[in-house]
C-alpha atoms as a PDB file:
ATOM      1  CA  UNK A   1       0.000   0.000   0.000  1.00  0.00           C
ATOM      2  CA  UNK A   2       1.340   3.444  -0.937  1.00  0.00           C
ATOM      3  CA  UNK A   3       0.907   6.554   1.190  1.00  0.00           C
ATOM      4  CA  UNK A   4       1.946   9.622  -0.795  1.00  0.00           C
ATOM      5  CA  UNK A   5      -0.491  12.398   0.121  1.00  0.00           C
ATOM      6  CA  UNK A   6       0.859  14.577   2.924  1.00  0.00           C
ATOM      7  CA  UNK A   7      -2.328  14.360   4.999  1.00  0.00           C
ATOM      8  CA  UNK A   8      -2.379  10.551   4.764  1.00  0.00           C
ATOM      9  CA  UNK A   9       1.309  10.291   5.669  1.00  0.00           C
ATOM     10  CA  UNK A  10       0.998  12.633   8.663  1.00  0.00           C
ATOM     11  CA  UNK A  11      -2.075  10.770   9.885  1.00  0.00           C
ATOM     12  CA  UNK A  12      -0.320   7.406   9.667  1.00  0.00           C
ATOM     13  CA  UNK A  13       2.894   8.609  11.313  1.00  0.00           C
ATOM     14  CA  UNK A  14       0.916  10.083  14.209  1.00  0.00           C
ATOM     15  CA  UNK A  15      -1.545   7.174  14.546  1.00  0.00           C
ATOM     16  CA  UNK A  16      -0.267   4.025  12.757  1.00  0.00           C
ATOM     17  CA  UNK A  17      -3.096   1.992  11.256  1.00  0.00           C
ATOM     18  CA  UNK A  18      -3.993  -1.150  13.172  1.00  0.00           C
ATOM     19  CA  UNK A  19      -2.913  -4.259  11.290  1.00  0.00           C
ATOM     20  CA  UNK A  20       0.056  -2.600   9.601  1.00  0.00           C
ATOM     21  CA  UNK A  21       3.259  -4.304  10.757  1.00  0.00           C
ATOM     22  CA  UNK A  22       5.863  -2.759   8.431  1.00  0.00           C
ATOM     23  CA  UNK A  23       6.687   0.581   6.828  1.00  0.00           C
ATOM     24  CA  UNK A  24       9.273   1.371   4.155  1.00  0.00           C
ATOM     25  CA  UNK A  25      10.170   5.064   4.215  1.00  0.00           C
ATOM     26  CA  UNK A  26      12.336   6.038   1.271  1.00  0.00           C
ATOM     27  CA  UNK A  27      13.584   8.968  -0.814  1.00  0.00           C
ATOM     28  CA  UNK A  28      16.579  11.105  -1.799  1.00  0.00           C
ATOM     29  CA  UNK A  29      16.119  13.380   1.200  1.00  0.00           C
ATOM     30  CA  UNK A  30      17.698  11.123   3.812  1.00  0.00           C
ATOM     31  CA  UNK A  31      17.118  13.705   6.518  1.00  0.00           C
ATOM     32  CA  UNK A  32      13.400  13.723   5.721  1.00  0.00           C
ATOM     33  CA  UNK A  33      13.340   9.907   5.700  1.00  0.00           C
ATOM     34  CA  UNK A  34      15.088   9.717   9.080  1.00  0.00           C
ATOM     35  CA  UNK A  35      12.820  12.359  10.623  1.00  0.00           C
ATOM     36  CA  UNK A  36       9.675  10.484   9.608  1.00  0.00           C
ATOM     37  CA  UNK A  37      11.128   7.176  10.783  1.00  0.00           C
ATOM     38  CA  UNK A  38      11.893   8.714  14.191  1.00  0.00           C
ATOM     39  CA  UNK A  39       8.315   9.938  14.510  1.00  0.00           C
ATOM     40  CA  UNK A  40       6.875   6.553  13.572  1.00  0.00           C
ATOM     41  CA  UNK A  41       9.259   4.748  15.940  1.00  0.00           C
ATOM     42  CA  UNK A  42       8.062   6.869  18.855  1.00  0.00           C
ATOM     43  CA  UNK A  43       4.477   5.837  18.114  1.00  0.00           C
ATOM     44  CA  UNK A  44       4.933   2.084  17.638  1.00  0.00           C
ATOM     45  CA  UNK A  45       7.374   1.423  20.478  1.00  0.00           C
ATOM     46  CA  UNK A  46       7.258   2.668  24.071  1.00  0.00           C
ATOM     47  CA  UNK A  47      11.062   2.623  24.371  1.00  0.00           C
ATOM     48  CA  UNK A  48      12.443   3.027  20.818  1.00  0.00           C
ATOM     49  CA  UNK A  49      16.006   3.536  22.059  1.00  0.00           C
ATOM     50  CA  UNK A  50      16.032   0.593  24.453  1.00  0.00           C
ATOM     51  CA  UNK A  51      17.960  -2.399  23.026  1.00  0.00           C
ATOM     52  CA  UNK A  52      15.605  -4.769  24.913  1.00  0.00           C
ATOM     53  CA  UNK A  53      12.617  -3.399  22.993  1.00  0.00           C
ATOM     54  CA  UNK A  54      14.170  -2.302  19.711  1.00  0.00           C
ATOM     55  CA  UNK A  55      16.723  -3.743  17.303  1.00  0.00           C
ATOM     56  CA  UNK A  56      18.632  -1.361  15.036  1.00  0.00           C
ATOM     57  CA  UNK A  57      20.104  -3.102  11.988  1.00  0.00           C
ATOM     58  CA  UNK A  58      22.184  -1.897   9.067  1.00  0.00           C
ATOM     59  CA  UNK A  59      22.635  -3.080   5.508  1.00  0.00           C
ATOM     60  CA  UNK A  60      25.833  -4.866   6.559  1.00  0.00           C
ATOM     61  CA  UNK A  61      23.942  -6.898   9.180  1.00  0.00           C
ATOM     62  CA  UNK A  62      21.502  -8.240   6.591  1.00  0.00           C
ATOM     63  CA  UNK A  63      24.250  -8.811   4.017  1.00  0.00           C
ATOM     64  CA  UNK A  64      26.445 -10.819   6.389  1.00  0.00           C
ATOM     65  CA  UNK A  65      23.677 -12.888   7.990  1.00  0.00           C
ATOM     66  CA  UNK A  66      20.683 -13.778   5.838  1.00  0.00           C
ATOM     67  CA  UNK A  67      18.655 -15.027   8.819  1.00  0.00           C
ATOM     68  CA  UNK A  68      19.312 -12.001  11.073  1.00  0.00           C
ATOM     69  CA  UNK A  69      16.278 -10.000   9.973  1.00  0.00           C
ATOM     70  CA  UNK A  70      13.879 -12.936  10.356  1.00  0.00           C
ATOM     71  CA  UNK A  71      15.317 -13.741  13.793  1.00  0.00           C
ATOM     72  CA  UNK A  72      14.857 -10.168  15.023  1.00  0.00           C
ATOM     73  CA  UNK A  73      11.288 -10.008  13.688  1.00  0.00           C
ATOM     74  CA  UNK A  74      10.459 -13.300  15.405  1.00  0.00           C
ATOM     75  CA  UNK A  75      11.790 -12.222  18.813  1.00  0.00           C
ATOM     76  CA  UNK A  76       9.588 -10.726  21.512  1.00  0.00           C
ATOM     77  CA  UNK A  77      10.249  -7.797  23.826  1.00  0.00           C
ATOM     78  CA  UNK A  78      12.078  -8.838  26.986  1.00  0.00           C
ATOM     79  CA  UNK A  79      10.341  -6.147  29.040  1.00  0.00           C
ATOM     80  CA  UNK A  80       6.865  -6.472  27.576  1.00  0.00           C
ATOM     81  CA  UNK A  81       5.247  -4.095  25.124  1.00  0.00           C
ATOM     82  CA  UNK A  82       5.638  -3.880  21.394  1.00  0.00           C
ATOM     83  CA  UNK A  83       8.948  -4.784  19.774  1.00  0.00           C
ATOM     84  CA  UNK A  84      10.444  -2.725  16.944  1.00  0.00           C
ATOM     85  CA  UNK A  85      12.985  -3.721  14.302  1.00  0.00           C
ATOM     86  CA  UNK A  86      14.499  -0.765  12.477  1.00  0.00           C
ATOM     87  CA  UNK A  87      16.656  -1.285   9.395  1.00  0.00           C
ATOM     88  CA  UNK A  88      18.706   1.445   7.729  1.00  0.00           C
ATOM     89  CA  UNK A  89      19.745   0.839   4.133  1.00  0.00           C
ATOM     90  CA  UNK A  90      22.431   2.992   2.543  1.00  0.00           C
ATOM     91  CA  UNK A  91      22.287   1.666  -1.003  1.00  0.00           C
ATOM     92  CA  UNK A  92      20.447  -0.732  -3.299  1.00  0.00           C
ATOM     93  CA  UNK A  93      22.534  -3.887  -3.079  1.00  0.00           C
ATOM     94  CA  UNK A  94      20.381  -6.462  -4.934  1.00  0.00           C
ATOM     95  CA  UNK A  95      20.922  -9.260  -2.395  1.00  0.00           C
ATOM     96  CA  UNK A  96      19.991  -7.018   0.547  1.00  0.00           C
ATOM     97  CA  UNK A  97      17.052  -5.540  -1.356  1.00  0.00           C
ATOM     98  CA  UNK A  98      15.650  -9.022  -2.067  1.00  0.00           C
ATOM     99  CA  UNK A  99      16.303 -10.345   1.445  1.00  0.00           C
ATOM    100  CA  UNK A 100      14.573  -7.331   3.012  1.00  0.00           C
ATOM    101  CA  UNK A 101      11.645  -7.649   0.601  1.00  0.00           C
ATOM    102  CA  UNK A 102      11.187 -11.326   1.503  1.00  0.00           C
ATOM    103  CA  UNK A 103      11.296 -10.592   5.236  1.00  0.00           C
ATOM    104  CA  UNK A 104       8.848  -7.699   4.862  1.00  0.00           C
ATOM    105  CA  UNK A 105       6.374  -9.821   2.892  1.00  0.00           C
ATOM    106  CA  UNK A 106       6.533 -12.618   5.460  1.00  0.00           C
ATOM    107  CA  UNK A 107       6.115 -10.222   8.364  1.00  0.00           C
ATOM    108  CA  UNK A 108       3.233  -8.358   6.689  1.00  0.00           C
ATOM    109  CA  UNK A 109       1.472 -11.716   6.346  1.00  0.00           C
ATOM    110  CA  UNK A 110       1.961 -12.438  10.059  1.00  0.00           C
ATOM    111  CA  UNK A 111       4.528 -15.227   9.747  1.00  0.00           C
ATOM    112  CA  UNK A 112       6.854 -13.710  12.371  1.00  0.00           C
ATOM    113  CA  UNK A 113       5.994 -12.063  15.687  1.00  0.00           C
ATOM    114  CA  UNK A 114       2.727 -10.300  14.738  1.00  0.00           C
ATOM    115  CA  UNK A 115       3.202  -7.766  17.506  1.00  0.00           C
ATOM    116  CA  UNK A 116       6.576  -6.562  16.173  1.00  0.00           C
ATOM    117  CA  UNK A 117       6.821  -3.496  13.942  1.00  0.00           C
ATOM    118  CA  UNK A 118       9.359  -3.225  11.108  1.00  0.00           C
ATOM    119  CA  UNK A 119      10.657   0.164   9.911  1.00  0.00           C
ATOM    120  CA  UNK A 120      12.935   0.350   6.887  1.00  0.00           C
ATOM    121  CA  UNK A 121      14.764   3.582   5.992  1.00  0.00           C
ATOM    122  CA  UNK A 122      16.040   3.635   2.424  1.00  0.00           C
ATOM    123  CA  UNK A 123      17.295   5.986  -0.263  1.00  0.00           C
ATOM    124  CA  UNK A 124      15.617   6.619  -3.612  1.00  0.00           C
ATOM    125  CA  UNK A 125      14.307   3.163  -4.494  1.00  0.00           C
ATOM    126  CA  UNK A 126      13.905   2.464  -8.201  1.00  0.00           C
ATOM    127  CA  UNK A 127      10.680   0.985  -9.565  1.00  0.00           C
ATOM    128  CA  UNK A 128      12.571  -2.287 -10.060  1.00  0.00           C
ATOM    129  CA  UNK A 129      13.411  -2.536  -6.344  1.00  0.00           C
ATOM    130  CA  UNK A 130      12.022  -5.747  -4.837  1.00  0.00           C
ATOM    131  CA  UNK A 131      11.593  -3.985  -1.490  1.00  0.00           C
ATOM    132  CA  UNK A 132       9.579  -1.156  -3.007  1.00  0.00           C
ATOM    133  CA  UNK A 133       7.390  -3.633  -4.923  1.00  0.00           C
ATOM    134  CA  UNK A 134       6.800  -5.684  -1.790  1.00  0.00           C
ATOM    135  CA  UNK A 135       5.727  -2.676   0.282  1.00  0.00           C
ATOM    136  CA  UNK A 136       3.549  -1.193  -2.450  1.00  0.00           C
ATOM    137  CA  UNK A 137       1.989  -4.546  -3.261  1.00  0.00           C
ATOM    138  CA  UNK A 138       1.092  -5.455   0.318  1.00  0.00           C
ATOM    139  CA  UNK A 139      -2.675  -5.384   0.797  1.00  0.00           C
ATOM    140  CA  UNK A 140      -2.808  -4.373   4.450  1.00  0.00           C
ATOM    141  CA  UNK A 141       0.249  -5.409   6.452  1.00  0.00           C
ATOM    142  CA  UNK A 142       2.812  -2.941   5.044  1.00  0.00           C
ATOM    143  CA  UNK A 143       3.003   0.584   3.661  1.00  0.00           C
ATOM    144  CA  UNK A 144       5.392   2.393   1.327  1.00  0.00           C
ATOM    145  CA  UNK A 145       6.008   6.063   2.174  1.00  0.00           C
ATOM    146  CA  UNK A 146       7.971   7.982  -0.485  1.00  0.00           C
ATOM    147  CA  UNK A 147       9.649  11.159   0.762  1.00  0.00           C
ATOM    148  CA  UNK A 148       9.873  13.949  -1.806  1.00  0.00           C
ATOM    149  CA  UNK A 149      11.647  17.288  -1.602  1.00  0.00           C
ATOM    150  CA  UNK A 150       9.669  19.732   0.500  1.00  0.00           C
ATOM    151  CA  UNK A 151       7.648  22.384  -1.299  1.00  0.00           C
ATOM    152  CA  UNK A 152       8.380  25.992  -0.357  1.00  0.00           C
ATOM    153  CA  UNK A 153       5.185  26.155   1.690  1.00  0.00           C
ATOM    154  CA  UNK A 154       6.140  23.012   3.633  1.00  0.00           C
ATOM    155  CA  UNK A 155       9.592  24.418   4.401  1.00  0.00           C
ATOM    156  CA  UNK A 156       8.109  27.713   5.586  1.00  0.00           C
ATOM    157  CA  UNK A 157       5.688  25.812   7.802  1.00  0.00           C
ATOM    158  CA  UNK A 158       8.300  23.771   9.652  1.00  0.00           C
ATOM    159  CA  UNK A 159      10.559  26.839   9.984  1.00  0.00           C
ATOM    160  CA  UNK A 160       7.696  28.716  11.662  1.00  0.00           C
ATOM    161  CA  UNK A 161       6.951  25.730  13.920  1.00  0.00           C
ATOM    162  CA  UNK A 162      10.600  25.344  14.955  1.00  0.00           C
ATOM    163  CA  UNK A 163      10.945  29.060  15.748  1.00  0.00           C
ATOM    164  CA  UNK A 164       7.661  29.154  17.653  1.00  0.00           C
ATOM    165  CA  UNK A 165       8.817  26.250  19.830  1.00  0.00           C
ATOM    166  CA  UNK A 166      11.727  28.454  20.977  1.00  0.00           C
ATOM    167  CA  UNK A 167       9.501  31.541  21.313  1.00  0.00           C
ATOM    168  CA  UNK A 168      11.036  33.512  18.432  1.00  0.00           C
ATOM    169  CA  UNK A 169       9.698  34.434  15.012  1.00  0.00           C
ATOM    170  CA  UNK A 170      10.280  36.202  11.709  1.00  0.00           C
ATOM    171  CA  UNK A 171       8.374  38.679   9.610  1.00  0.00           C
ATOM    172  CA  UNK A 172       6.938  37.308   6.338  1.00  0.00           C
ATOM    173  CA  UNK A 173       9.742  39.023   4.372  1.00  0.00           C
ATOM    174  CA  UNK A 174      12.424  37.537   6.631  1.00  0.00           C
ATOM    175  CA  UNK A 175      10.838  34.088   6.380  1.00  0.00           C
ATOM    176  CA  UNK A 176      10.807  34.311   2.578  1.00  0.00           C
ATOM    177  CA  UNK A 177      14.471  35.344   2.556  1.00  0.00           C
ATOM    178  CA  UNK A 178      15.549  32.589   4.945  1.00  0.00           C
ATOM    179  CA  UNK A 179      13.583  29.828   3.190  1.00  0.00           C
ATOM    180  CA  UNK A 180      15.083  30.823  -0.172  1.00  0.00           C
ATOM    181  CA  UNK A 181      18.575  30.169   1.256  1.00  0.00           C
ATOM    182  CA  UNK A 182      17.825  26.837   2.947  1.00  0.00           C
ATOM    183  CA  UNK A 183      19.295  23.633   1.471  1.00  0.00           C
ATOM    184  CA  UNK A 184      16.850  21.034   0.123  1.00  0.00           C
ATOM    185  CA  UNK A 185      17.974  18.237   2.450  1.00  0.00           C
ATOM    186  CA  UNK A 186      15.774  18.405   5.537  1.00  0.00           C
ATOM    187  CA  UNK A 187      18.373  17.238   8.034  1.00  0.00           C
ATOM    188  CA  UNK A 188      20.781  19.991   6.979  1.00  0.00           C
ATOM    189  CA  UNK A 189      17.911  22.482   6.907  1.00  0.00           C
ATOM    190  CA  UNK A 190      17.053  21.597  10.506  1.00  0.00           C
ATOM    191  CA  UNK A 191      20.637  22.379  11.535  1.00  0.00           C
ATOM    192  CA  UNK A 192      20.447  25.763   9.803  1.00  0.00           C
ATOM    193  CA  UNK A 193      17.192  26.540  11.605  1.00  0.00           C
ATOM    194  CA  UNK A 194      18.794  25.682  14.957  1.00  0.00           C
ATOM    195  CA  UNK A 195      21.701  28.000  14.148  1.00  0.00           C
ATOM    196  CA  UNK A 196      19.270  30.790  13.264  1.00  0.00           C
ATOM    197  CA  UNK A 197      17.392  30.332  16.558  1.00  0.00           C
ATOM    198  CA  UNK A 198      20.669  30.707  18.457  1.00  0.00           C
ATOM    199  CA  UNK A 199      21.412  33.858  16.429  1.00  0.00           C
ATOM    200  CA  UNK A 200      18.009  35.426  17.184  1.00  0.00           C
ATOM    201  CA  UNK A 201      18.074  34.335  20.837  1.00  0.00           C
ATOM    202  CA  UNK A 202      15.992  31.356  21.990  1.00  0.00           C
ATOM    203  CA  UNK A 203      13.199  32.292  24.350  1.00  0.00           C
ATOM    204  CA  UNK A 204      13.678  36.022  23.688  1.00  0.00           C
ATOM    205  CA  UNK A 205      10.318  36.584  22.013  1.00  0.00           C
ATOM    206  CA  UNK A 206      12.104  38.446  19.194  1.00  0.00           C
ATOM    207  CA  UNK A 207      10.537  38.710  15.744  1.00  0.00           C
ATOM    208  CA  UNK A 208      13.417  39.113  13.282  1.00  0.00           C
ATOM    209  CA  UNK A 209      13.051  41.264  10.166  1.00  0.00           C
ATOM    210  CA  UNK A 210      14.719  40.735   6.797  1.00  0.00           C
ATOM    211  CA  UNK A 211      17.192  43.490   7.688  1.00  0.00           C
ATOM    212  CA  UNK A 212      18.058  41.645  10.915  1.00  0.00           C
ATOM    213  CA  UNK A 213      19.011  38.549   8.890  1.00  0.00           C
ATOM    214  CA  UNK A 214      21.361  40.285   6.444  1.00  0.00           C
ATOM    215  CA  UNK A 215      24.419  40.124   8.759  1.00  0.00           C
ATOM    216  CA  UNK A 216      23.615  36.473   9.513  1.00  0.00           C
ATOM    217  CA  UNK A 217      23.030  35.293   5.941  1.00  0.00           C
ATOM    218  CA  UNK A 218      25.647  37.416   4.233  1.00  0.00           C
ATOM    219  CA  UNK A 219      25.624  37.884   0.460  1.00  0.00           C
ATOM    220  CA  UNK A 220      25.588  34.987  -1.956  1.00  0.00           C
ATOM    221  CA  UNK A 221      27.976  35.137  -4.922  1.00  0.00           C
ATOM    222  CA  UNK A 222      24.978  34.487  -7.183  1.00  0.00           C
ATOM    223  CA  UNK A 223      23.424  37.753  -5.997  1.00  0.00           C
ATOM    224  CA  UNK A 224      25.726  39.750  -8.281  1.00  0.00           C
ATOM    225  CA  UNK A 225      24.581  37.704 -11.281  1.00  0.00           C
ATOM    226  CA  UNK A 226      20.925  38.188 -10.356  1.00  0.00           C
ATOM    227  CA  UNK A 227      21.555  41.921 -10.048  1.00  0.00           C
ATOM    228  CA  UNK A 228      23.275  41.950 -13.454  1.00  0.00           C
ATOM    229  CA  UNK A 229      20.338  40.203 -15.112  1.00  0.00           C
ATOM    230  CA  UNK A 230      17.751  42.471 -13.475  1.00  0.00           C
ATOM    231  CA  UNK A 231      19.736  45.586 -14.414  1.00  0.00           C
ATOM    232  CA  UNK A 232      20.122  44.434 -18.018  1.00  0.00           C
ATOM    233  CA  UNK A 233      16.392  43.831 -18.462  1.00  0.00           C
ATOM    234  CA  UNK A 234      15.731  47.111 -16.666  1.00  0.00           C
ATOM    235  CA  UNK A 235      17.779  49.068 -19.214  1.00  0.00           C
ATOM    236  CA  UNK A 236      20.584  49.959 -16.770  1.00  0.00           C
ATOM    237  CA  UNK A 237      23.631  49.058 -18.853  1.00  0.00           C
ATOM    238  CA  UNK A 238      26.249  50.585 -16.560  1.00  0.00           C
ATOM    239  CA  UNK A 239      24.900  48.831 -13.455  1.00  0.00           C
ATOM    240  CA  UNK A 240      24.621  45.522 -15.310  1.00  0.00           C
ATOM    241  CA  UNK A 241      28.222  45.867 -16.480  1.00  0.00           C
ATOM    242  CA  UNK A 242      29.411  46.635 -12.950  1.00  0.00           C
ATOM    243  CA  UNK A 243      27.500  43.667 -11.469  1.00  0.00           C
ATOM    244  CA  UNK A 244      29.025  41.307 -14.046  1.00  0.00           C
ATOM    245  CA  UNK A 245      32.514  42.551 -13.202  1.00  0.00           C
ATOM    246  CA  UNK A 246      31.757  42.070  -9.508  1.00  0.00           C
ATOM    247  CA  UNK A 247      30.501  38.530 -10.123  1.00  0.00           C
ATOM    248  CA  UNK A 248      33.635  37.745 -12.103  1.00  0.00           C
ATOM    249  CA  UNK A 249      35.779  38.939  -9.179  1.00  0.00           C
ATOM    250  CA  UNK A 250      33.746  36.640  -6.918  1.00  0.00           C
ATOM    251  CA  UNK A 251      34.670  33.678  -9.134  1.00  0.00           C
ATOM    252  CA  UNK A 252      31.534  33.381 -11.262  1.00  0.00           C
ATOM    253  CA  UNK A 253      32.156  32.479 -14.915  1.00  0.00           C
ATOM    254  CA  UNK A 254      30.414  33.362 -18.147  1.00  0.00           C
ATOM    255  CA  UNK A 255      28.117  30.289 -18.341  1.00  0.00           C
ATOM    256  CA  UNK A 256      26.707  31.064 -14.882  1.00  0.00           C
ATOM    257  CA  UNK A 257      26.086  34.673 -15.918  1.00  0.00           C
ATOM    258  CA  UNK A 258      24.274  33.595 -19.087  1.00  0.00           C
ATOM    259  CA  UNK A 259      22.224  31.173 -17.006  1.00  0.00           C
ATOM    260  CA  UNK A 260      21.189  33.991 -14.650  1.00  0.00           C
ATOM    261  CA  UNK A 261      20.117  36.097 -17.621  1.00  0.00           C
ATOM    262  CA  UNK A 262      18.191  33.147 -19.057  1.00  0.00           C
ATOM    263  CA  UNK A 263      16.480  32.553 -15.707  1.00  0.00           C
ATOM    264  CA  UNK A 264      15.361  36.175 -15.515  1.00  0.00           C
ATOM    265  CA  UNK A 265      14.044  35.999 -19.083  1.00  0.00           C
ATOM    266  CA  UNK A 266      12.110  32.820 -18.240  1.00  0.00           C
ATOM    267  CA  UNK A 267      10.585  34.438 -15.155  1.00  0.00           C
ATOM    268  CA  UNK A 268       9.344  37.327 -17.263  1.00  0.00           C
ATOM    269  CA  UNK A 269       7.924  34.902 -19.836  1.00  0.00           C
ATOM    270  CA  UNK A 270       6.143  32.788 -17.198  1.00  0.00           C
ATOM    271  CA  UNK A 271       4.769  35.911 -15.534  1.00  0.00           C
ATOM    272  CA  UNK A 272       3.413  37.139 -18.879  1.00  0.00           C
ATOM    273  CA  UNK A 273       1.757  33.763 -19.467  1.00  0.00           C
ATOM    274  CA  UNK A 274       0.090  33.951 -16.057  1.00  0.00           C
ATOM    275  CA  UNK A 275      -1.169  37.503 -16.592  1.00  0.00           C
ATOM    276  CA  UNK A 276      -2.476  36.568 -20.044  1.00  0.00           C
ATOM    277  CA  UNK A 277      -4.392  33.768 -18.312  1.00  0.00           C
ATOM    278  CA  UNK A 278      -6.033  36.264 -15.957  1.00  0.00           C
ATOM    279  CA  UNK A 279      -3.658  36.473 -12.985  1.00  0.00           C
ATOM    280  CA  UNK A 280      -2.772  39.825 -11.437  1.00  0.00           C
ATOM    281  CA  UNK A 281       0.742  41.160 -12.073  1.00  0.00           C
ATOM    282  CA  UNK A 282       1.756  40.970  -8.409  1.00  0.00           C
ATOM    283  CA  UNK A 283       0.338  37.467  -8.061  1.00  0.00           C
ATOM    284  CA  UNK A 284       2.231  36.392 -11.203  1.00  0.00           C
ATOM    285  CA  UNK A 285       5.500  37.825  -9.888  1.00  0.00           C
ATOM    286  CA  UNK A 286       5.169  35.921  -6.624  1.00  0.00           C
ATOM    287  CA  UNK A 287       4.290  32.711  -8.469  1.00  0.00           C
ATOM    288  CA  UNK A 288       7.524  32.777 -10.485  1.00  0.00           C
ATOM    289  CA  UNK A 289       9.653  33.240  -7.372  1.00  0.00           C
ATOM    290  CA  UNK A 290      10.469  36.951  -7.441  1.00  0.00           C
ATOM    291  CA  UNK A 291      11.916  38.023  -4.094  1.00  0.00           C
ATOM    292  CA  UNK A 292      10.003  40.817  -2.362  1.00  0.00           C
ATOM    293  CA  UNK A 293      12.901  43.284  -2.630  1.00  0.00           C
ATOM    294  CA  UNK A 294      12.962  42.900  -6.429  1.00  0.00           C
ATOM    295  CA  UNK A 295       9.184  42.857  -6.880  1.00  0.00           C
ATOM    296  CA  UNK A 296       8.714  46.549  -7.724  1.00  0.00           C
ATOM    297  CA  UNK A 297      11.431  46.489 -10.401  1.00  0.00           C
ATOM    298  CA  UNK A 298      10.136  43.209 -11.821  1.00  0.00           C
ATOM    299  CA  UNK A 299       6.616  44.618 -12.119  1.00  0.00           C
ATOM    300  CA  UNK A 300       8.056  47.644 -13.907  1.00  0.00           C
ATOM    301  CA  UNK A 301       9.761  45.362 -16.413  1.00  0.00           C
ATOM    302  CA  UNK A 302       6.612  43.280 -16.917  1.00  0.00           C
ATOM    303  CA  UNK A 303       4.828  46.363 -18.224  1.00  0.00           C
ATOM    304  CA  UNK A 304       7.356  46.854 -21.015  1.00  0.00           C
ATOM    305  CA  UNK A 305       8.653  43.409 -21.964  1.00  0.00           C
ATOM    306  CA  UNK A 306       6.051  41.594 -24.029  1.00  0.00           C
ATOM    307  CA  UNK A 307       6.106  37.955 -25.104  1.00  0.00           C
ATOM    308  CA  UNK A 308       7.305  38.722 -28.656  1.00  0.00           C
ATOM    309  CA  UNK A 309      10.193  40.809 -27.286  1.00  0.00           C
ATOM    310  CA  UNK A 310      11.224  38.043 -24.893  1.00  0.00           C
ATOM    311  CA  UNK A 311      10.953  35.324 -27.544  1.00  0.00           C
ATOM    312  CA  UNK A 312      13.241  37.356 -29.801  1.00  0.00           C
ATOM    313  CA  UNK A 313      15.947  37.202 -27.108  1.00  0.00           C
ATOM    314  CA  UNK A 314      15.926  33.431 -26.691  1.00  0.00           C
ATOM    315  CA  UNK A 315      18.220  32.847 -29.650  1.00  0.00           C
ATOM    316  CA  UNK A 316      20.750  35.409 -28.416  1.00  0.00           C
ATOM    317  CA  UNK A 317      20.881  33.779 -24.980  1.00  0.00           C
ATOM    318  CA  UNK A 318      21.377  30.298 -26.460  1.00  0.00           C
ATOM    319  CA  UNK A 319      24.104  31.563 -28.805  1.00  0.00           C
ATOM    320  CA  UNK A 320      25.892  33.239 -25.889  1.00  0.00           C
ATOM    321  CA  UNK A 321      25.647  30.055 -23.816  1.00  0.00           C
ATOM    322  CA  UNK A 322      27.209  27.962 -26.583  1.00  0.00           C
ATOM    323  CA  UNK A 323      29.916  30.545 -27.203  1.00  0.00           C
ATOM    324  CA  UNK A 324      30.848  30.720 -23.500  1.00  0.00           C
ATOM    325  CA  UNK A 325      31.303  26.955 -23.403  1.00  0.00           C
ATOM    326  CA  UNK A 326      33.640  26.870 -26.392  1.00  0.00           C
ATOM    327  CA  UNK A 327      37.276  26.251 -25.577  1.00  0.00           C
ATOM    328  CA  UNK A 328      39.325  29.421 -25.290  1.00  0.00           C
ATOM    329  CA  UNK A 329      36.374  31.775 -25.620  1.00  0.00           C
ATOM    330  CA  UNK A 330      36.459  35.165 -23.805  1.00  0.00           C
ATOM    331  CA  UNK A 331      33.309  34.282 -21.876  1.00  0.00           C
ATOM    332  CA  UNK A 332      33.296  37.469 -19.783  1.00  0.00           C
ATOM    333  CA  UNK A 333      33.250  39.596 -22.938  1.00  0.00           C
ATOM    334  CA  UNK A 334      30.522  37.460 -24.501  1.00  0.00           C
ATOM    335  CA  UNK A 335      28.191  37.825 -21.530  1.00  0.00           C
ATOM    336  CA  UNK A 336      28.930  41.551 -21.184  1.00  0.00           C
ATOM    337  CA  UNK A 337      27.977  42.049 -24.828  1.00  0.00           C
ATOM    338  CA  UNK A 338      24.751  40.057 -24.264  1.00  0.00           C
ATOM    339  CA  UNK A 339      23.842  42.150 -21.217  1.00  0.00           C
ATOM    340  CA  UNK A 340      24.539  45.419 -23.031  1.00  0.00           C
ATOM    341  CA  UNK A 341      22.424  44.253 -25.980  1.00  0.00           C
ATOM    342  CA  UNK A 342      19.498  43.422 -23.672  1.00  0.00           C
ATOM    343  CA  UNK A 343      19.864  46.738 -21.859  1.00  0.00           C
ATOM    344  CA  UNK A 344      19.749  48.532 -25.208  1.00  0.00           C
ATOM    345  CA  UNK A 345      16.537  46.767 -26.183  1.00  0.00           C
ATOM    346  CA  UNK A 346      15.054  47.574 -22.779  1.00  0.00           C
ATOM    347  CA  UNK A 347      15.803  51.266 -23.287  1.00  0.00           C
ATOM    348  CA  UNK A 348      14.063  51.171 -26.668  1.00  0.00           C
ATOM    349  CA  UNK A 349      11.023  49.651 -24.932  1.00  0.00           C
ATOM    350  CA  UNK A 350      10.892  52.655 -22.635  1.00  0.00           C
ATOM    351  CA  UNK A 351      12.640  51.266 -19.555  1.00  0.00           C
END
C-alpha cells in the first residue's frame, strides 16, 4: 500500500493503522526519511532507544547474515510491550534488497511475531526494487512512504513551527528570505534553523526582520549575477556591467552569468503567461519566485517586456551560452555584450 499524500502520511505517522506491521520510508532526502522514521518509531514502540525493545540493523547486518532479519522479527520484547525492528539501508545492493523484501512480505502476512513493527529507511528506491514492490503490493500489512523534496510552503511551515517552539519568530519578508537560502535536504535544513534560533536568541520573544538577517546570511555570490540580469532587463547598462565585473571577481564564470540572464528571461515569460491567463501582475511575480525586494522592479519590467520581445531574445541567450562553453572563448566579454544588448533593447522599450 502506498501513502503519498501529505495528509495521509501525517495521519499514519501520528496514529499508525492497526494491522500494519511494516513501513518502508524512502527517498533522496535522507534527513526527511530519518525524521519520519523517528516519529513513527516513537508511536509504535514505548522505548524506541532501548535495546531490549528495539533492534537497530544496518545493511551490513543483513548482508552478512541472511537469517538475522527474520530472527529479530520473530523475537519478543524482553520487558513487555511492542517490539520494533528498524533497518537502515544505505544503497540498493540487490541481495539485501531481495532479502529485506522477503522478510517484509513474510512479516506483513503475520509469519513472524505479529506484535513486532518493522521500519525500513532507504534511499531513492527504483521501480525495479524488490523492497519497493513488496511494500507497495502489500494489501494491508505494510506501507510504502515515499519522501519527496519539501515544497516551499512546507519548508516555511516547519521553519515557523521550529521558531515558535523556541519563542522567536520572523516577519513574512524575513521568512521568505531565509527559506530561499535553505538547502533542500531536511536534516541539513534543521541544523540551519537551529543555528538561526541561536542567532536570534531562543526564548527572547524576538521577531526578526529581513534586515536583521542580512548580517547572519551574508551575500551569496549568485546575488551579483541576479543583479546583473535584473539591471540588463531594466535598461541599466552601466549597473549591469558593474554587477558582471563584480561577479567575475567573486569567481563566477560566463556560463553562470548567461544562465542567470536566461532565468530572468524565463521568469518574465512565465509571468506574462500567467497575466495573459487572468492572474494579477503581483500574483504572477510571486508565483515565479520573485523576491520581495525585487518585486517593484520586476513589475516595472513586466509592463514593457512583451512575449514577442522576450521570444526574440531566446536565440541570443542560447548563442551566448554555446559561445561561452567553447574552448578558449572570452566568456566574460561574450556575456557583457549580451547584457549590453538586452539593456539597449530595454531602453528602446521605454525602460
